[in-house]
Amino acid sequence: MTVDSLPPGVSAPAGLAAPVTPKAPDARHMSIREWDEAERPRERLLERGSEALSDAELLAIFLRTGARGVSAVEFARDLIRHFGSLRT
C-alpha cells in the first residue's frame, strides 16, 4: 500500500516520507492464510502469548491485512523499518 493508494478520506500517518510499495507476488510472499496454521501470528498469539511474537507480527495482527503481494507481516516490517521500533 502506498500513500497514493489510500482510500478517499484516509490520510497517511504524519512523517510518512517513503511510501511502502507492494512487492511482486511470488512463493516468498504468500498470504498469511497460506501459512501453516501453527506459524500464523494470530494463532501463535492465542497459543503462546504476545512474548512469542515479534513486533512486526503483533503489528500485523492490528493491521489485519497487507496489500497485493505483501502480507500483513511484511507490511508491518516495512512500517517498523521506516518509523522505528514499537518499543520505547
N, C-alpha and C. Protein backbone atom coordinates (compact mmCIF):
# COMPACT_ATOMS: atom_id res chain seq x y z
N MET A 1 0.86 -1.17 0.00
CA MET A 1 0.00 0.00 0.00
C MET A 1 0.90 1.23 0.00
N THR A 2 0.58 2.17 -0.82
CA THR A 2 1.32 3.41 -0.85
C THR A 2 0.44 4.53 -0.35
N VAL A 3 1.07 5.66 -0.08
CA VAL A 3 0.32 6.84 0.34
C VAL A 3 -0.70 7.20 -0.73
N ASP A 4 -0.32 7.04 -2.01
CA ASP A 4 -1.21 7.38 -3.11
C ASP A 4 -2.40 6.45 -3.23
N SER A 5 -2.30 5.24 -2.67
CA SER A 5 -3.38 4.27 -2.83
C SER A 5 -4.32 4.20 -1.63
N LEU A 6 -4.17 5.12 -0.68
CA LEU A 6 -5.07 5.13 0.47
C LEU A 6 -6.48 5.49 0.03
N PRO A 7 -7.49 4.92 0.67
CA PRO A 7 -8.87 5.24 0.31
C PRO A 7 -9.16 6.72 0.51
N PRO A 8 -10.15 7.25 -0.21
CA PRO A 8 -10.52 8.66 -0.04
C PRO A 8 -10.88 8.94 1.41
N GLY A 9 -10.42 10.07 1.91
CA GLY A 9 -10.71 10.47 3.27
C GLY A 9 -9.77 9.91 4.31
N VAL A 10 -8.85 9.01 3.92
CA VAL A 10 -7.89 8.43 4.85
C VAL A 10 -6.54 9.08 4.58
N SER A 11 -5.98 9.69 5.62
CA SER A 11 -4.70 10.35 5.44
C SER A 11 -3.57 9.48 5.94
N ALA A 12 -2.39 9.69 5.40
CA ALA A 12 -1.20 8.93 5.80
C ALA A 12 -0.73 9.42 7.15
N PRO A 13 -0.06 8.55 7.92
CA PRO A 13 0.50 8.98 9.20
C PRO A 13 1.49 10.12 8.98
N ALA A 14 1.55 11.02 9.95
CA ALA A 14 2.48 12.15 9.86
C ALA A 14 3.90 11.63 9.72
N GLY A 15 4.66 12.23 8.83
CA GLY A 15 6.06 11.85 8.66
C GLY A 15 6.28 10.73 7.67
N LEU A 16 5.24 10.26 7.00
CA LEU A 16 5.42 9.18 6.03
C LEU A 16 6.03 9.78 4.78
N ALA A 17 7.33 9.65 4.66
CA ALA A 17 8.03 10.23 3.53
C ALA A 17 8.22 9.24 2.40
N ALA A 18 8.61 8.02 2.73
CA ALA A 18 8.84 7.00 1.72
C ALA A 18 7.68 6.01 1.77
N PRO A 19 6.83 5.99 0.73
CA PRO A 19 5.70 5.08 0.76
C PRO A 19 6.13 3.63 0.73
N VAL A 20 5.33 2.79 1.37
CA VAL A 20 5.57 1.35 1.34
C VAL A 20 4.91 0.83 0.07
N THR A 21 5.68 0.20 -0.79
CA THR A 21 5.13 -0.26 -2.06
C THR A 21 5.00 -1.77 -2.07
N PRO A 22 3.95 -2.28 -2.68
CA PRO A 22 3.77 -3.72 -2.76
C PRO A 22 4.86 -4.37 -3.59
N LYS A 23 5.18 -5.59 -3.23
CA LYS A 23 6.17 -6.36 -3.97
C LYS A 23 5.45 -7.29 -4.92
N ALA A 24 6.14 -7.70 -5.97
CA ALA A 24 5.55 -8.65 -6.91
C ALA A 24 5.29 -9.97 -6.20
N PRO A 25 4.13 -10.58 -6.41
CA PRO A 25 3.84 -11.84 -5.74
C PRO A 25 4.75 -12.96 -6.23
N ASP A 26 5.23 -13.76 -5.32
CA ASP A 26 5.96 -14.97 -5.64
C ASP A 26 5.86 -15.90 -4.45
N ALA A 27 6.55 -17.01 -4.50
CA ALA A 27 6.42 -18.02 -3.45
C ALA A 27 6.85 -17.50 -2.09
N ARG A 28 7.76 -16.52 -2.03
CA ARG A 28 8.22 -15.98 -0.75
C ARG A 28 7.21 -15.04 -0.13
N HIS A 29 6.23 -14.57 -0.88
CA HIS A 29 5.26 -13.59 -0.39
C HIS A 29 3.86 -14.19 -0.36
N MET A 30 3.74 -15.31 0.33
CA MET A 30 2.44 -15.96 0.44
C MET A 30 1.54 -15.19 1.40
N SER A 31 0.27 -15.26 1.14
CA SER A 31 -0.71 -14.72 2.07
C SER A 31 -0.60 -15.48 3.38
N ILE A 32 -0.87 -14.82 4.49
CA ILE A 32 -0.80 -15.48 5.79
C ILE A 32 -1.78 -16.66 5.83
N ARG A 33 -2.88 -16.56 5.10
CA ARG A 33 -3.83 -17.68 5.05
C ARG A 33 -3.19 -18.95 4.49
N GLU A 34 -2.14 -18.78 3.69
CA GLU A 34 -1.45 -19.92 3.09
C GLU A 34 -0.37 -20.49 4.01
N TRP A 35 -0.05 -19.80 5.10
CA TRP A 35 0.96 -20.28 6.05
C TRP A 35 0.42 -21.47 6.82
N ASP A 36 1.32 -22.30 7.31
CA ASP A 36 0.93 -23.37 8.21
C ASP A 36 0.24 -22.73 9.42
N GLU A 37 -0.85 -23.33 9.87
CA GLU A 37 -1.64 -22.73 10.95
C GLU A 37 -0.81 -22.45 12.20
N ALA A 38 0.16 -23.30 12.51
CA ALA A 38 0.99 -23.11 13.71
C ALA A 38 1.94 -21.92 13.57
N GLU A 39 2.13 -21.41 12.35
CA GLU A 39 3.04 -20.28 12.12
C GLU A 39 2.31 -18.95 12.00
N ARG A 40 1.01 -18.95 11.93
CA ARG A 40 0.25 -17.71 11.77
C ARG A 40 0.30 -16.89 13.06
N PRO A 41 0.53 -15.57 12.95
CA PRO A 41 0.67 -14.73 14.14
C PRO A 41 -0.51 -14.79 15.10
N ARG A 42 -1.73 -14.72 14.60
CA ARG A 42 -2.90 -14.70 15.49
C ARG A 42 -3.01 -16.01 16.28
N GLU A 43 -2.79 -17.12 15.60
CA GLU A 43 -2.86 -18.42 16.27
C GLU A 43 -1.74 -18.57 17.29
N ARG A 44 -0.55 -18.09 16.94
CA ARG A 44 0.58 -18.16 17.88
C ARG A 44 0.32 -17.28 19.10
N LEU A 45 -0.29 -16.12 18.89
CA LEU A 45 -0.64 -15.23 20.00
C LEU A 45 -1.58 -15.94 20.97
N LEU A 46 -2.60 -16.57 20.43
CA LEU A 46 -3.57 -17.26 21.27
C LEU A 46 -2.96 -18.46 21.98
N GLU A 47 -2.05 -19.15 21.31
CA GLU A 47 -1.47 -20.36 21.88
C GLU A 47 -0.32 -20.08 22.84
N ARG A 48 0.54 -19.11 22.48
CA ARG A 48 1.77 -18.92 23.25
C ARG A 48 1.90 -17.55 23.93
N GLY A 49 1.02 -16.62 23.60
CA GLY A 49 1.09 -15.29 24.21
C GLY A 49 1.92 -14.32 23.38
N SER A 50 1.83 -13.05 23.73
CA SER A 50 2.48 -11.99 22.96
C SER A 50 4.00 -12.07 22.98
N GLU A 51 4.56 -12.67 24.03
CA GLU A 51 6.01 -12.78 24.13
C GLU A 51 6.61 -13.63 23.02
N ALA A 52 5.80 -14.49 22.41
CA ALA A 52 6.28 -15.40 21.36
C ALA A 52 6.29 -14.74 19.99
N LEU A 53 5.80 -13.51 19.88
CA LEU A 53 5.71 -12.84 18.59
C LEU A 53 6.67 -11.68 18.49
N SER A 54 7.10 -11.41 17.27
CA SER A 54 7.94 -10.24 17.02
C SER A 54 7.05 -8.99 17.00
N ASP A 55 7.69 -7.82 17.04
CA ASP A 55 6.93 -6.57 16.94
C ASP A 55 6.13 -6.54 15.64
N ALA A 56 6.75 -6.99 14.55
CA ALA A 56 6.08 -6.98 13.25
C ALA A 56 4.85 -7.89 13.25
N GLU A 57 4.95 -9.04 13.89
CA GLU A 57 3.81 -9.95 13.95
C GLU A 57 2.69 -9.36 14.79
N LEU A 58 3.01 -8.70 15.90
CA LEU A 58 1.99 -8.05 16.73
C LEU A 58 1.31 -6.92 15.96
N LEU A 59 2.11 -6.10 15.29
CA LEU A 59 1.54 -5.01 14.49
C LEU A 59 0.68 -5.56 13.36
N ALA A 60 1.10 -6.66 12.75
CA ALA A 60 0.33 -7.27 11.66
C ALA A 60 -1.05 -7.69 12.13
N ILE A 61 -1.17 -8.14 13.36
CA ILE A 61 -2.47 -8.52 13.90
C ILE A 61 -3.39 -7.30 13.96
N PHE A 62 -2.86 -6.16 14.35
CA PHE A 62 -3.66 -4.93 14.39
C PHE A 62 -4.00 -4.44 12.98
N LEU A 63 -3.05 -4.56 12.06
CA LEU A 63 -3.29 -4.12 10.68
C LEU A 63 -4.35 -4.97 10.00
N ARG A 64 -4.36 -6.26 10.29
CA ARG A 64 -5.31 -7.24 9.77
C ARG A 64 -5.14 -7.56 8.30
N THR A 65 -4.51 -6.73 7.51
CA THR A 65 -4.36 -7.01 6.08
C THR A 65 -3.11 -6.35 5.54
N GLY A 66 -2.58 -6.92 4.50
CA GLY A 66 -1.43 -6.34 3.81
C GLY A 66 -1.90 -5.63 2.56
N ALA A 67 -1.16 -5.79 1.51
CA ALA A 67 -1.51 -5.23 0.20
C ALA A 67 -1.21 -6.31 -0.84
N ARG A 68 -1.59 -6.08 -2.06
CA ARG A 68 -1.35 -7.07 -3.09
C ARG A 68 0.13 -7.45 -3.12
N GLY A 69 0.40 -8.73 -2.91
CA GLY A 69 1.77 -9.23 -2.95
C GLY A 69 2.56 -9.00 -1.68
N VAL A 70 1.94 -8.42 -0.64
CA VAL A 70 2.63 -8.13 0.61
C VAL A 70 1.74 -8.59 1.76
N SER A 71 2.23 -9.54 2.55
CA SER A 71 1.43 -9.99 3.70
C SER A 71 1.39 -8.89 4.75
N ALA A 72 0.48 -9.02 5.69
CA ALA A 72 0.38 -8.04 6.78
C ALA A 72 1.68 -8.00 7.58
N VAL A 73 2.35 -9.15 7.73
CA VAL A 73 3.62 -9.19 8.48
C VAL A 73 4.70 -8.43 7.71
N GLU A 74 4.79 -8.62 6.40
CA GLU A 74 5.77 -7.89 5.61
C GLU A 74 5.48 -6.39 5.63
N PHE A 75 4.21 -6.03 5.53
CA PHE A 75 3.81 -4.63 5.58
C PHE A 75 4.20 -4.02 6.93
N ALA A 76 3.95 -4.77 8.01
CA ALA A 76 4.33 -4.30 9.35
C ALA A 76 5.84 -4.13 9.47
N ARG A 77 6.61 -5.08 8.92
CA ARG A 77 8.08 -4.94 8.93
C ARG A 77 8.52 -3.68 8.20
N ASP A 78 7.90 -3.40 7.06
CA ASP A 78 8.23 -2.18 6.31
C ASP A 78 7.93 -0.93 7.13
N LEU A 79 6.79 -0.92 7.80
CA LEU A 79 6.43 0.23 8.64
C LEU A 79 7.41 0.41 9.80
N ILE A 80 7.77 -0.68 10.45
CA ILE A 80 8.71 -0.60 11.57
C ILE A 80 10.09 -0.17 11.08
N ARG A 81 10.50 -0.68 9.94
CA ARG A 81 11.80 -0.28 9.36
C ARG A 81 11.80 1.23 9.06
N HIS A 82 10.67 1.72 8.57
CA HIS A 82 10.59 3.16 8.24
C HIS A 82 10.45 4.06 9.46
N PHE A 83 9.58 3.67 10.40
CA PHE A 83 9.28 4.53 11.54
C PHE A 83 10.06 4.18 12.81
N GLY A 84 10.70 3.02 12.85
CA GLY A 84 11.45 2.62 14.03
C GLY A 84 10.68 1.60 14.85
N SER A 85 11.25 1.20 15.92
CA SER A 85 10.71 0.15 16.80
C SER A 85 9.40 0.56 17.45
N LEU A 86 8.62 -0.43 17.84
CA LEU A 86 7.41 -0.17 18.62
C LEU A 86 7.75 0.04 20.08
N ARG A 87 8.92 -0.38 20.46
CA ARG A 87 9.36 -0.28 21.87
C ARG A 87 9.97 1.11 22.12
N THR A 88 9.89 1.54 23.37
CA THR A 88 10.45 2.86 23.70
C THR A 88 11.81 2.73 24.32
